[in-house]
């Protein structure tokens, strides 16, 4: 859960409130219903959705989600899995009373700090890259998934070079993400062609 948790927190803190849930959803769905971890991720997912809806002008949706998120998070420790849930619960109560507080959204704190993309190691960046490709418009999820797989091969070989750098850049370089994706696409397609050229040669 650690990599997906950190990735989702960083995505949220970057202002992609709707997309943040994507980093947590697969883990959340795999957990036993009603357990602490399941309630924790369910509450965080609803928290991010509440912020998204409030900022999008859907006040009634935001209020309902804020109330529900508080119920899921109720009873969990104030610092559950390193996340400052005391701050989250306080913000949710304020949002429930006045959705306009989402104009200045709470920064999620993990292990005492505000996690950004720059704080993510490779495994968390891989989760963030695939989540952003899935949740944001304009990116081919298969391209990014292949780039992450190629980058994992590089990391396993101890040679964090081309694909590793581009996957990090895709996540961290928000202003140029579209251009980074174009470059990433070209390299992935080139690698796919090379793999297709040699597949079956020795069968």
N, C-alpha and C. Protein backbone atom coordinates (compact mmCIF):
# COMPACT_ATOMS: atom_id res chain seq x y z
N UNK A 1 0.82 -1.21 0.00
CA UNK A 1 0.00 0.00 0.00
C UNK A 1 0.85 1.26 0.00
N UNK A 2 2.09 1.18 0.49
CA UNK A 2 2.90 2.38 0.69
C UNK A 2 3.11 3.17 -0.61
N UNK A 3 3.44 2.47 -1.70
CA UNK A 3 3.71 3.18 -2.96
C UNK A 3 2.46 3.85 -3.50
N UNK A 4 1.33 3.13 -3.46
CA UNK A 4 0.08 3.72 -3.96
C UNK A 4 -0.38 4.85 -3.06
N UNK A 5 -0.18 4.70 -1.74
CA UNK A 5 -0.56 5.77 -0.82
C UNK A 5 0.24 7.03 -1.10
N UNK A 6 1.56 6.90 -1.21
CA UNK A 6 2.41 8.08 -1.46
C UNK A 6 2.09 8.70 -2.81
N UNK A 7 1.89 7.86 -3.82
CA UNK A 7 1.57 8.39 -5.15
C UNK A 7 0.28 9.18 -5.13
N UNK A 8 -0.76 8.63 -4.50
CA UNK A 8 -2.04 9.34 -4.43
C UNK A 8 -1.96 10.64 -3.67
N UNK A 9 -1.20 10.64 -2.58
CA UNK A 9 -1.03 11.88 -1.81
C UNK A 9 -0.33 12.94 -2.66
N UNK A 10 0.71 12.54 -3.40
CA UNK A 10 1.43 13.50 -4.24
C UNK A 10 0.54 14.02 -5.36
N UNK A 11 -0.25 13.14 -5.97
CA UNK A 11 -1.17 13.56 -7.04
C UNK A 11 -2.17 14.57 -6.49
N UNK A 12 -2.75 14.26 -5.33
CA UNK A 12 -3.68 15.19 -4.70
C UNK A 12 -3.00 16.54 -4.43
N UNK A 13 -1.80 16.49 -3.83
CA UNK A 13 -1.11 17.74 -3.49
C UNK A 13 -0.71 18.55 -4.72
N UNK A 14 -0.64 17.88 -5.88
CA UNK A 14 -0.36 18.60 -7.13
C UNK A 14 -1.61 19.25 -7.70
N UNK A 15 -2.75 19.04 -7.05
CA UNK A 15 -4.00 19.67 -7.49
C UNK A 15 -4.84 18.82 -8.41
N UNK A 16 -4.45 17.58 -8.65
CA UNK A 16 -5.26 16.66 -9.48
C UNK A 16 -6.18 15.88 -8.54
N UNK A 17 -7.14 16.59 -7.95
CA UNK A 17 -7.96 16.03 -6.89
C UNK A 17 -8.76 14.81 -7.35
N UNK A 18 -9.36 14.90 -8.52
CA UNK A 18 -10.15 13.79 -9.03
C UNK A 18 -9.28 12.59 -9.36
N UNK A 19 -8.09 12.84 -9.87
CA UNK A 19 -7.21 11.76 -10.29
C UNK A 19 -6.59 11.01 -9.11
N UNK A 20 -6.48 11.66 -7.96
CA UNK A 20 -5.76 11.04 -6.83
C UNK A 20 -6.35 9.69 -6.44
N UNK A 21 -7.67 9.57 -6.55
CA UNK A 21 -8.28 8.31 -6.11
C UNK A 21 -7.78 7.12 -6.91
N UNK A 22 -7.35 7.36 -8.16
CA UNK A 22 -6.92 6.27 -9.02
C UNK A 22 -5.72 5.51 -8.46
N UNK A 23 -4.88 6.19 -7.70
CA UNK A 23 -3.71 5.53 -7.12
C UNK A 23 -4.11 4.59 -5.98
N UNK A 24 -5.26 4.86 -5.35
CA UNK A 24 -5.69 4.09 -4.18
C UNK A 24 -6.74 3.04 -4.50
N UNK A 25 -7.43 3.20 -5.63
CA UNK A 25 -8.63 2.40 -5.86
C UNK A 25 -8.38 0.90 -5.93
N UNK A 26 -7.38 0.47 -6.66
CA UNK A 26 -7.13 -0.98 -6.80
C UNK A 26 -6.82 -1.60 -5.44
N UNK A 27 -6.01 -0.92 -4.64
CA UNK A 27 -5.69 -1.43 -3.30
C UNK A 27 -6.95 -1.47 -2.45
N UNK A 28 -7.72 -0.40 -2.48
CA UNK A 28 -8.95 -0.31 -1.69
C UNK A 28 -9.90 -1.45 -2.05
N UNK A 29 -10.10 -1.71 -3.34
CA UNK A 29 -11.03 -2.75 -3.77
C UNK A 29 -10.56 -4.15 -3.38
N UNK A 30 -9.27 -4.32 -3.14
CA UNK A 30 -8.74 -5.64 -2.77
C UNK A 30 -8.85 -5.93 -1.27
N UNK A 31 -9.21 -4.94 -0.48
CA UNK A 31 -9.24 -5.09 0.97
C UNK A 31 -10.59 -5.59 1.46
N UNK A 32 -10.58 -6.27 2.61
CA UNK A 32 -11.82 -6.73 3.23
C UNK A 32 -12.65 -5.53 3.66
N UNK A 33 -13.92 -5.58 3.31
CA UNK A 33 -14.84 -4.48 3.61
C UNK A 33 -14.95 -4.27 5.13
N UNK A 34 -14.81 -3.02 5.54
CA UNK A 34 -14.99 -2.66 6.94
C UNK A 34 -13.73 -2.69 7.78
N UNK A 35 -12.63 -3.22 7.22
CA UNK A 35 -11.36 -3.20 7.95
C UNK A 35 -10.80 -1.78 8.01
N UNK A 36 -9.86 -1.56 8.92
CA UNK A 36 -9.31 -0.22 9.10
C UNK A 36 -8.68 0.34 7.82
N UNK A 37 -7.88 -0.48 7.13
CA UNK A 37 -7.25 -0.01 5.90
C UNK A 37 -8.29 0.30 4.83
N UNK A 38 -9.32 -0.53 4.73
CA UNK A 38 -10.37 -0.30 3.73
C UNK A 38 -11.10 1.00 4.04
N UNK A 39 -11.43 1.22 5.31
CA UNK A 39 -12.12 2.45 5.71
C UNK A 39 -11.23 3.67 5.47
N UNK A 40 -9.95 3.51 5.75
CA UNK A 40 -8.98 4.59 5.55
C UNK A 40 -8.93 5.02 4.09
N UNK A 41 -8.73 4.06 3.18
CA UNK A 41 -8.65 4.41 1.75
C UNK A 41 -10.00 4.88 1.23
N UNK A 42 -11.10 4.27 1.69
CA UNK A 42 -12.43 4.71 1.26
C UNK A 42 -12.66 6.16 1.68
N UNK A 43 -12.25 6.47 2.91
CA UNK A 43 -12.40 7.85 3.39
C UNK A 43 -11.55 8.83 2.61
N UNK A 44 -10.30 8.44 2.29
CA UNK A 44 -9.43 9.34 1.50
C UNK A 44 -9.99 9.55 0.10
N UNK A 45 -10.50 8.48 -0.50
CA UNK A 45 -11.08 8.60 -1.84
C UNK A 45 -12.26 9.58 -1.81
N UNK A 46 -13.12 9.44 -0.79
CA UNK A 46 -14.26 10.35 -0.69
C UNK A 46 -13.83 11.77 -0.34
N UNK A 47 -12.78 11.90 0.45
CA UNK A 47 -12.22 13.22 0.76
C UNK A 47 -11.79 13.94 -0.52
N UNK A 48 -11.01 13.24 -1.37
CA UNK A 48 -10.54 13.88 -2.60
C UNK A 48 -11.71 14.20 -3.52
N UNK A 49 -12.71 13.31 -3.54
CA UNK A 49 -13.90 13.57 -4.37
C UNK A 49 -14.66 14.78 -3.85
N UNK A 50 -14.74 14.92 -2.53
CA UNK A 50 -15.43 16.08 -1.94
C UNK A 50 -14.74 17.38 -2.35
N UNK A 51 -13.42 17.39 -2.27
CA UNK A 51 -12.67 18.59 -2.67
C UNK A 51 -12.91 18.88 -4.15
N UNK A 52 -12.85 17.84 -4.98
CA UNK A 52 -13.08 18.01 -6.43
C UNK A 52 -14.45 18.61 -6.69
N UNK A 53 -15.48 18.04 -6.07
CA UNK A 53 -16.85 18.53 -6.32
C UNK A 53 -17.04 19.96 -5.81
N UNK A 54 -16.47 20.26 -4.65
CA UNK A 54 -16.61 21.62 -4.11
C UNK A 54 -15.96 22.63 -5.05
N UNK A 55 -14.79 22.29 -5.57
CA UNK A 55 -14.09 23.21 -6.47
C UNK A 55 -14.79 23.30 -7.83
N UNK A 56 -15.58 22.27 -8.15
CA UNK A 56 -16.32 22.24 -9.41
C UNK A 56 -17.71 22.87 -9.29
N UNK A 57 -18.05 23.35 -8.09
CA UNK A 57 -19.32 24.02 -7.89
C UNK A 57 -20.47 23.11 -7.52
N UNK A 58 -20.21 21.84 -7.29
CA UNK A 58 -21.24 20.89 -6.88
C UNK A 58 -21.27 20.83 -5.36
N UNK A 59 -21.86 21.86 -4.74
CA UNK A 59 -21.82 21.98 -3.28
C UNK A 59 -22.54 20.83 -2.58
N UNK A 60 -23.70 20.43 -3.09
CA UNK A 60 -24.44 19.36 -2.40
C UNK A 60 -23.67 18.04 -2.47
N UNK A 61 -23.07 17.75 -3.60
CA UNK A 61 -22.25 16.55 -3.72
C UNK A 61 -21.06 16.59 -2.80
N UNK A 62 -20.43 17.77 -2.70
CA UNK A 62 -19.25 17.94 -1.85
C UNK A 62 -19.62 17.73 -0.38
N UNK A 63 -20.74 18.30 0.04
CA UNK A 63 -21.17 18.18 1.44
C UNK A 63 -21.46 16.73 1.79
N UNK A 64 -22.18 16.02 0.90
CA UNK A 64 -22.50 14.62 1.16
C UNK A 64 -21.26 13.75 1.24
N UNK A 65 -20.31 14.00 0.34
CA UNK A 65 -19.07 13.23 0.35
C UNK A 65 -18.21 13.56 1.57
N UNK A 66 -18.20 14.82 1.98
CA UNK A 66 -17.43 15.21 3.17
C UNK A 66 -17.99 14.50 4.40
N UNK A 67 -19.31 14.46 4.51
CA UNK A 67 -19.94 13.78 5.65
C UNK A 67 -19.60 12.29 5.63
N UNK A 68 -19.73 11.68 4.47
CA UNK A 68 -19.44 10.25 4.34
C UNK A 68 -17.97 9.94 4.62
N UNK A 69 -17.07 10.78 4.11
CA UNK A 69 -15.64 10.58 4.34
C UNK A 69 -15.33 10.64 5.83
N UNK A 70 -15.94 11.58 6.53
CA UNK A 70 -15.71 11.68 7.98
C UNK A 70 -16.18 10.42 8.69
N UNK A 71 -17.29 9.85 8.24
CA UNK A 71 -17.80 8.61 8.86
C UNK A 71 -16.82 7.46 8.64
N UNK A 72 -16.27 7.34 7.43
CA UNK A 72 -15.30 6.27 7.16
C UNK A 72 -14.03 6.44 7.99
N UNK A 73 -13.60 7.67 8.18
CA UNK A 73 -12.35 7.93 8.90
C UNK A 73 -12.52 7.96 10.41
N UNK A 74 -13.77 7.99 10.87
CA UNK A 74 -14.05 8.06 12.30
C UNK A 74 -13.47 6.83 13.00
N UNK A 75 -12.80 7.06 14.09
CA UNK A 75 -12.26 5.96 14.89
C UNK A 75 -10.85 5.54 14.51
N UNK A 76 -10.36 6.00 13.38
CA UNK A 76 -8.97 5.70 13.00
C UNK A 76 -8.04 6.69 13.70
N UNK A 77 -6.80 6.29 13.91
CA UNK A 77 -5.85 7.15 14.60
C UNK A 77 -5.63 8.47 13.88
N UNK A 78 -5.23 9.48 14.65
CA UNK A 78 -5.00 10.80 14.06
C UNK A 78 -3.85 10.81 13.07
N UNK A 79 -2.98 9.81 13.15
CA UNK A 79 -1.83 9.73 12.25
C UNK A 79 -1.80 8.33 11.63
N UNK A 80 -2.90 7.94 11.02
CA UNK A 80 -3.05 6.57 10.51
C UNK A 80 -2.19 6.37 9.26
N UNK A 81 -1.34 5.34 9.30
CA UNK A 81 -0.40 5.04 8.20
C UNK A 81 0.41 6.27 7.78
N UNK A 82 0.64 7.16 8.74
CA UNK A 82 1.46 8.34 8.49
C UNK A 82 0.70 9.53 7.96
N UNK A 83 -0.60 9.35 7.63
CA UNK A 83 -1.40 10.46 7.09
C UNK A 83 -2.02 11.24 8.25
N UNK A 84 -1.95 12.54 8.19
CA UNK A 84 -2.51 13.42 9.22
C UNK A 84 -4.04 13.43 9.10
N UNK A 85 -4.67 12.39 9.67
CA UNK A 85 -6.13 12.30 9.58
C UNK A 85 -6.82 13.31 10.47
N UNK A 86 -6.16 13.77 11.52
CA UNK A 86 -6.78 14.82 12.35
C UNK A 86 -7.02 16.06 11.50
N UNK A 87 -6.02 16.43 10.69
CA UNK A 87 -6.17 17.57 9.79
C UNK A 87 -7.21 17.34 8.72
N UNK A 88 -7.26 16.12 8.20
CA UNK A 88 -8.26 15.78 7.17
C UNK A 88 -9.66 15.89 7.75
N UNK A 89 -9.87 15.32 8.95
CA UNK A 89 -11.21 15.36 9.56
C UNK A 89 -11.64 16.79 9.85
N UNK A 90 -10.71 17.62 10.34
CA UNK A 90 -11.03 19.03 10.62
C UNK A 90 -11.43 19.74 9.33
N UNK A 91 -10.66 19.50 8.27
CA UNK A 91 -10.97 20.15 6.99
C UNK A 91 -12.33 19.67 6.46
N UNK A 92 -12.60 18.37 6.57
CA UNK A 92 -13.89 17.85 6.11
C UNK A 92 -15.06 18.47 6.86
N UNK A 93 -14.90 18.69 8.15
CA UNK A 93 -15.97 19.33 8.93
C UNK A 93 -16.19 20.76 8.45
N UNK A 94 -15.11 21.45 8.15
CA UNK A 94 -15.22 22.82 7.64
C UNK A 94 -15.87 22.82 6.25
N UNK A 95 -15.47 21.87 5.41
CA UNK A 95 -16.03 21.79 4.05
C UNK A 95 -17.53 21.47 4.10
N UNK A 96 -17.90 20.60 5.04
CA UNK A 96 -19.31 20.24 5.20
C UNK A 96 -20.14 21.47 5.57
N UNK A 97 -19.56 22.36 6.38
CA UNK A 97 -20.26 23.58 6.80
C UNK A 97 -20.24 24.65 5.72
N UNK A 98 -19.15 24.68 4.93
CA UNK A 98 -19.01 25.71 3.91
C UNK A 98 -18.11 25.19 2.78
N UNK A 99 -18.69 24.70 1.68
CA UNK A 99 -17.88 24.15 0.59
C UNK A 99 -16.86 25.12 0.00
N UNK A 100 -17.02 26.42 0.25
CA UNK A 100 -16.08 27.40 -0.29
C UNK A 100 -14.67 27.24 0.30
N UNK A 101 -14.53 26.51 1.42
CA UNK A 101 -13.19 26.32 1.99
C UNK A 101 -12.31 25.53 1.02
N UNK A 102 -12.92 24.81 0.07
CA UNK A 102 -12.14 24.04 -0.91
C UNK A 102 -11.41 24.94 -1.89
N UNK A 103 -11.72 26.25 -1.87
CA UNK A 103 -10.95 27.18 -2.70
C UNK A 103 -9.50 27.24 -2.23
N UNK A 104 -9.28 26.89 -0.98
CA UNK A 104 -7.92 26.81 -0.42
C UNK A 104 -7.78 25.43 0.22
N UNK A 105 -7.63 24.39 -0.61
CA UNK A 105 -7.71 23.02 -0.09
C UNK A 105 -6.56 22.65 0.84
N UNK A 106 -6.87 21.75 1.73
CA UNK A 106 -5.88 21.21 2.65
C UNK A 106 -4.79 20.48 1.88
N UNK A 107 -3.54 20.69 2.26
CA UNK A 107 -2.44 19.88 1.73
C UNK A 107 -2.36 18.62 2.57
N UNK A 108 -2.34 17.46 1.91
CA UNK A 108 -2.24 16.20 2.65
C UNK A 108 -0.81 16.03 3.17
N UNK A 109 -0.72 15.68 4.45
CA UNK A 109 0.58 15.46 5.08
C UNK A 109 0.77 13.97 5.33
N UNK A 110 1.94 13.49 4.96
CA UNK A 110 2.30 12.08 5.14
C UNK A 110 3.66 12.04 5.83
N UNK A 111 3.73 11.32 6.94
CA UNK A 111 4.98 11.24 7.71
C UNK A 111 5.51 12.63 8.08
N UNK A 112 4.59 13.52 8.37
CA UNK A 112 4.96 14.85 8.85
C UNK A 112 5.24 15.89 7.79
N UNK A 113 5.22 15.49 6.51
CA UNK A 113 5.52 16.46 5.45
C UNK A 113 4.48 16.43 4.34
N UNK A 114 4.51 17.48 3.53
CA UNK A 114 3.64 17.56 2.36
C UNK A 114 4.38 16.88 1.20
N UNK A 115 3.88 15.73 0.78
CA UNK A 115 4.55 14.93 -0.25
C UNK A 115 4.24 15.50 -1.63
N UNK A 116 5.29 15.70 -2.42
CA UNK A 116 5.15 16.15 -3.79
C UNK A 116 5.72 15.09 -4.73
N UNK A 117 5.59 15.31 -6.02
CA UNK A 117 6.16 14.37 -6.98
C UNK A 117 7.66 14.19 -6.79
N UNK A 118 8.33 15.25 -6.39
CA UNK A 118 9.78 15.18 -6.20
C UNK A 118 10.19 14.26 -5.05
N UNK A 119 9.24 13.94 -4.17
CA UNK A 119 9.52 13.09 -3.01
C UNK A 119 9.33 11.60 -3.30
N UNK A 120 8.85 11.26 -4.49
CA UNK A 120 8.52 9.87 -4.80
C UNK A 120 9.73 9.11 -5.32
N UNK A 121 9.89 7.87 -4.83
CA UNK A 121 10.91 6.99 -5.39
C UNK A 121 10.34 6.32 -6.64
N UNK A 122 11.14 5.45 -7.27
CA UNK A 122 10.71 4.90 -8.55
C UNK A 122 9.38 4.16 -8.46
N UNK A 123 9.20 3.30 -7.44
CA UNK A 123 7.97 2.51 -7.37
C UNK A 123 6.73 3.39 -7.23
N UNK A 124 6.82 4.44 -6.44
CA UNK A 124 5.69 5.36 -6.29
C UNK A 124 5.49 6.19 -7.55
N UNK A 125 6.58 6.58 -8.22
CA UNK A 125 6.47 7.31 -9.48
C UNK A 125 5.79 6.43 -10.54
N UNK A 126 6.10 5.14 -10.54
CA UNK A 126 5.47 4.22 -11.50
C UNK A 126 3.96 4.19 -11.29
N UNK A 127 3.52 4.13 -10.03
CA UNK A 127 2.08 4.16 -9.73
C UNK A 127 1.50 5.49 -10.19
N UNK A 128 2.18 6.60 -9.89
CA UNK A 128 1.68 7.92 -10.28
C UNK A 128 1.59 8.05 -11.79
N UNK A 129 2.58 7.56 -12.51
CA UNK A 129 2.58 7.67 -13.97
C UNK A 129 1.38 6.94 -14.57
N UNK A 130 1.16 5.71 -14.13
CA UNK A 130 0.04 4.95 -14.68
C UNK A 130 -1.29 5.55 -14.28
N UNK A 131 -1.37 6.08 -13.06
CA UNK A 131 -2.60 6.73 -12.59
C UNK A 131 -2.89 7.98 -13.41
N UNK A 132 -1.89 8.82 -13.61
CA UNK A 132 -2.10 10.06 -14.37
C UNK A 132 -2.51 9.76 -15.81
N UNK A 133 -1.89 8.74 -16.42
CA UNK A 133 -2.25 8.38 -17.79
C UNK A 133 -3.70 7.91 -17.86
N UNK A 134 -4.14 7.20 -16.83
CA UNK A 134 -5.51 6.68 -16.82
C UNK A 134 -6.53 7.77 -16.51
N UNK A 135 -6.19 8.65 -15.58
CA UNK A 135 -7.17 9.61 -15.06
C UNK A 135 -7.23 10.93 -15.82
N UNK A 136 -6.12 11.33 -16.46
CA UNK A 136 -6.11 12.60 -17.18
C UNK A 136 -6.37 12.37 -18.67
N UNK A 137 -6.94 13.34 -19.32
CA UNK A 137 -7.23 13.23 -20.75
C UNK A 137 -5.96 13.40 -21.58
N UNK A 138 -5.92 12.67 -22.70
CA UNK A 138 -4.88 12.91 -23.68
C UNK A 138 -3.68 11.98 -23.62
N UNK A 139 -3.73 10.97 -22.76
CA UNK A 139 -2.59 10.07 -22.62
C UNK A 139 -3.02 8.63 -22.87
N UNK A 140 -2.20 7.90 -23.61
CA UNK A 140 -2.46 6.50 -23.90
C UNK A 140 -1.93 5.66 -22.73
N UNK A 141 -2.84 5.01 -22.02
CA UNK A 141 -2.46 4.22 -20.85
C UNK A 141 -1.49 3.09 -21.20
N UNK A 142 -1.67 2.47 -22.37
CA UNK A 142 -0.81 1.35 -22.76
C UNK A 142 0.63 1.82 -23.00
N UNK A 143 0.77 3.01 -23.59
CA UNK A 143 2.11 3.56 -23.81
C UNK A 143 2.82 3.75 -22.48
N UNK A 144 2.13 4.36 -21.53
CA UNK A 144 2.74 4.63 -20.23
C UNK A 144 3.01 3.32 -19.48
N UNK A 145 2.09 2.37 -19.56
CA UNK A 145 2.31 1.07 -18.90
C UNK A 145 3.55 0.38 -19.47
N UNK A 146 3.71 0.42 -20.79
CA UNK A 146 4.91 -0.18 -21.40
C UNK A 146 6.17 0.57 -20.97
N UNK A 147 6.09 1.90 -20.93
CA UNK A 147 7.25 2.70 -20.51
C UNK A 147 7.65 2.33 -19.08
N UNK A 148 6.66 2.16 -18.21
CA UNK A 148 6.94 1.77 -16.82
C UNK A 148 7.58 0.38 -16.79
N UNK A 149 7.07 -0.54 -17.60
CA UNK A 149 7.65 -1.90 -17.65
C UNK A 149 9.10 -1.85 -18.13
N UNK A 150 9.38 -1.07 -19.17
CA UNK A 150 10.75 -0.93 -19.66
C UNK A 150 11.64 -0.29 -18.59
N UNK A 151 11.09 0.70 -17.88
CA UNK A 151 11.85 1.35 -16.82
C UNK A 151 12.14 0.37 -15.68
N UNK A 152 11.18 -0.49 -15.36
CA UNK A 152 11.41 -1.50 -14.31
C UNK A 152 12.55 -2.43 -14.71
N UNK A 153 12.60 -2.79 -15.99
CA UNK A 153 13.71 -3.63 -16.48
C UNK A 153 15.04 -2.92 -16.29
N UNK A 154 15.06 -1.61 -16.59
CA UNK A 154 16.29 -0.83 -16.40
C UNK A 154 16.71 -0.83 -14.94
N UNK A 155 15.73 -0.59 -14.05
CA UNK A 155 16.03 -0.54 -12.62
C UNK A 155 16.56 -1.90 -12.16
N UNK A 156 15.93 -2.98 -12.62
CA UNK A 156 16.37 -4.33 -12.23
C UNK A 156 17.79 -4.62 -12.71
N UNK A 157 18.15 -4.05 -13.86
CA UNK A 157 19.50 -4.23 -14.41
C UNK A 157 20.51 -3.26 -13.80
N UNK A 158 20.03 -2.37 -12.93
CA UNK A 158 20.93 -1.38 -12.33
C UNK A 158 21.34 -0.28 -13.27
N UNK A 159 20.56 -0.08 -14.34
CA UNK A 159 20.90 0.93 -15.35
C UNK A 159 19.73 1.88 -15.55
N UNK A 160 19.46 2.71 -14.56
CA UNK A 160 18.32 3.63 -14.62
C UNK A 160 18.63 4.74 -15.62
N UNK A 161 18.22 4.50 -16.85
CA UNK A 161 18.58 5.46 -17.90
C UNK A 161 17.35 5.99 -18.61
N UNK A 162 17.24 5.68 -19.88
CA UNK A 162 16.28 6.31 -20.78
C UNK A 162 14.83 6.27 -20.28
N UNK A 163 14.26 5.09 -20.15
CA UNK A 163 12.85 5.00 -19.78
C UNK A 163 12.61 5.45 -18.34
N UNK A 164 13.53 5.13 -17.46
CA UNK A 164 13.39 5.55 -16.07
C UNK A 164 13.32 7.08 -16.00
N UNK A 165 14.22 7.74 -16.67
CA UNK A 165 14.23 9.21 -16.66
C UNK A 165 12.96 9.78 -17.25
N UNK A 166 12.46 9.18 -18.34
CA UNK A 166 11.25 9.70 -18.97
C UNK A 166 10.01 9.48 -18.12
N UNK A 167 9.94 8.35 -17.41
CA UNK A 167 8.80 8.10 -16.53
C UNK A 167 8.80 9.12 -15.38
N UNK A 168 9.98 9.36 -14.79
CA UNK A 168 10.07 10.40 -13.76
C UNK A 168 9.65 11.75 -14.33
N UNK A 169 10.12 12.07 -15.52
CA UNK A 169 9.81 13.36 -16.14
C UNK A 169 8.32 13.49 -16.45
N UNK A 170 7.70 12.41 -16.88
CA UNK A 170 6.27 12.44 -17.17
C UNK A 170 5.47 12.81 -15.93
N UNK A 171 5.87 12.30 -14.79
CA UNK A 171 5.17 12.61 -13.54
C UNK A 171 5.53 14.00 -13.05
N UNK A 172 6.80 14.31 -13.00
CA UNK A 172 7.25 15.53 -12.32
C UNK A 172 7.11 16.81 -13.14
N UNK A 173 7.19 16.71 -14.45
CA UNK A 173 7.19 17.90 -15.29
C UNK A 173 5.77 18.21 -15.78
N UNK A 174 4.96 18.74 -14.86
CA UNK A 174 3.54 18.99 -15.18
C UNK A 174 3.39 19.97 -16.34
N UNK A 175 4.21 21.00 -16.37
CA UNK A 175 4.07 22.03 -17.40
C UNK A 175 4.34 21.49 -18.79
N UNK A 176 5.22 20.50 -18.91
CA UNK A 176 5.61 19.95 -20.20
C UNK A 176 5.17 18.50 -20.37
N UNK A 177 4.18 18.06 -19.58
CA UNK A 177 3.79 16.64 -19.59
C UNK A 177 3.39 16.17 -20.98
N UNK A 178 2.70 16.99 -21.72
CA UNK A 178 2.29 16.60 -23.07
C UNK A 178 3.48 16.33 -23.98
N UNK A 179 4.48 17.20 -23.92
CA UNK A 179 5.69 17.01 -24.73
C UNK A 179 6.49 15.80 -24.27
N UNK A 180 6.56 15.61 -22.95
CA UNK A 180 7.25 14.44 -22.43
C UNK A 180 6.56 13.18 -22.91
N UNK A 181 5.22 13.19 -22.90
CA UNK A 181 4.47 12.02 -23.36
C UNK A 181 4.74 11.73 -24.84
N UNK A 182 4.83 12.78 -25.66
CA UNK A 182 5.14 12.56 -27.08
C UNK A 182 6.49 11.88 -27.25
N UNK A 183 7.48 12.34 -26.51
CA UNK A 183 8.81 11.74 -26.58
C UNK A 183 8.78 10.30 -26.06
N UNK A 184 8.06 10.10 -24.97
CA UNK A 184 7.91 8.77 -24.40
C UNK A 184 7.25 7.83 -25.40
N UNK A 185 6.23 8.31 -26.08
CA UNK A 185 5.52 7.50 -27.07
C UNK A 185 6.45 7.05 -28.19
N UNK A 186 7.27 7.98 -28.66
CA UNK A 186 8.20 7.64 -29.75
C UNK A 186 9.16 6.53 -29.31
N UNK A 187 9.69 6.64 -28.10
CA UNK A 187 10.64 5.64 -27.61
C UNK A 187 9.96 4.30 -27.37
N UNK A 188 8.75 4.32 -26.85
CA UNK A 188 8.02 3.06 -26.62
C UNK A 188 7.72 2.38 -27.95
N UNK A 189 7.26 3.15 -28.93
CA UNK A 189 6.95 2.55 -30.24
C UNK A 189 8.21 1.99 -30.90
N UNK A 190 9.33 2.70 -30.76
CA UNK A 190 10.60 2.21 -31.30
C UNK A 190 10.99 0.89 -30.62
N UNK A 191 10.84 0.82 -29.32
CA UNK A 191 11.18 -0.41 -28.58
C UNK A 191 10.24 -1.54 -28.99
N UNK A 192 8.96 -1.23 -29.14
CA UNK A 192 8.00 -2.27 -29.56
C UNK A 192 8.38 -2.82 -30.93
N UNK A 193 8.76 -1.92 -31.85
CA UNK A 193 9.14 -2.38 -33.21
C UNK A 193 10.35 -3.29 -33.15
N UNK A 194 11.35 -2.93 -32.32
CA UNK A 194 12.53 -3.78 -32.18
C UNK A 194 12.16 -5.15 -31.62
N UNK A 195 11.27 -5.16 -30.64
CA UNK A 195 10.85 -6.44 -30.06
C UNK A 195 10.09 -7.28 -31.08
N UNK A 196 9.24 -6.63 -31.89
CA UNK A 196 8.48 -7.34 -32.92
C UNK A 196 9.41 -7.91 -33.99
N UNK A 197 10.50 -7.17 -34.30
CA UNK A 197 11.42 -7.62 -35.33
C UNK A 197 12.14 -8.90 -34.95
N UNK A 198 12.38 -9.10 -33.65
CA UNK A 198 13.14 -10.29 -33.24
C UNK A 198 12.27 -11.41 -32.70
N UNK A 199 10.98 -11.10 -32.45
CA UNK A 199 10.14 -12.16 -31.88
C UNK A 199 9.93 -13.26 -32.90
N UNK A 200 10.05 -14.46 -32.47
CA UNK A 200 9.81 -15.62 -33.32
C UNK A 200 10.98 -16.03 -34.19
N UNK A 201 12.10 -15.32 -34.14
CA UNK A 201 13.24 -15.65 -35.00
C UNK A 201 13.83 -17.02 -34.70
N UNK A 202 13.75 -17.43 -33.44
CA UNK A 202 14.41 -18.68 -33.07
C UNK A 202 13.41 -19.78 -32.70
N UNK A 203 12.17 -19.61 -33.13
CA UNK A 203 11.16 -20.63 -32.84
C UNK A 203 11.13 -21.67 -33.95
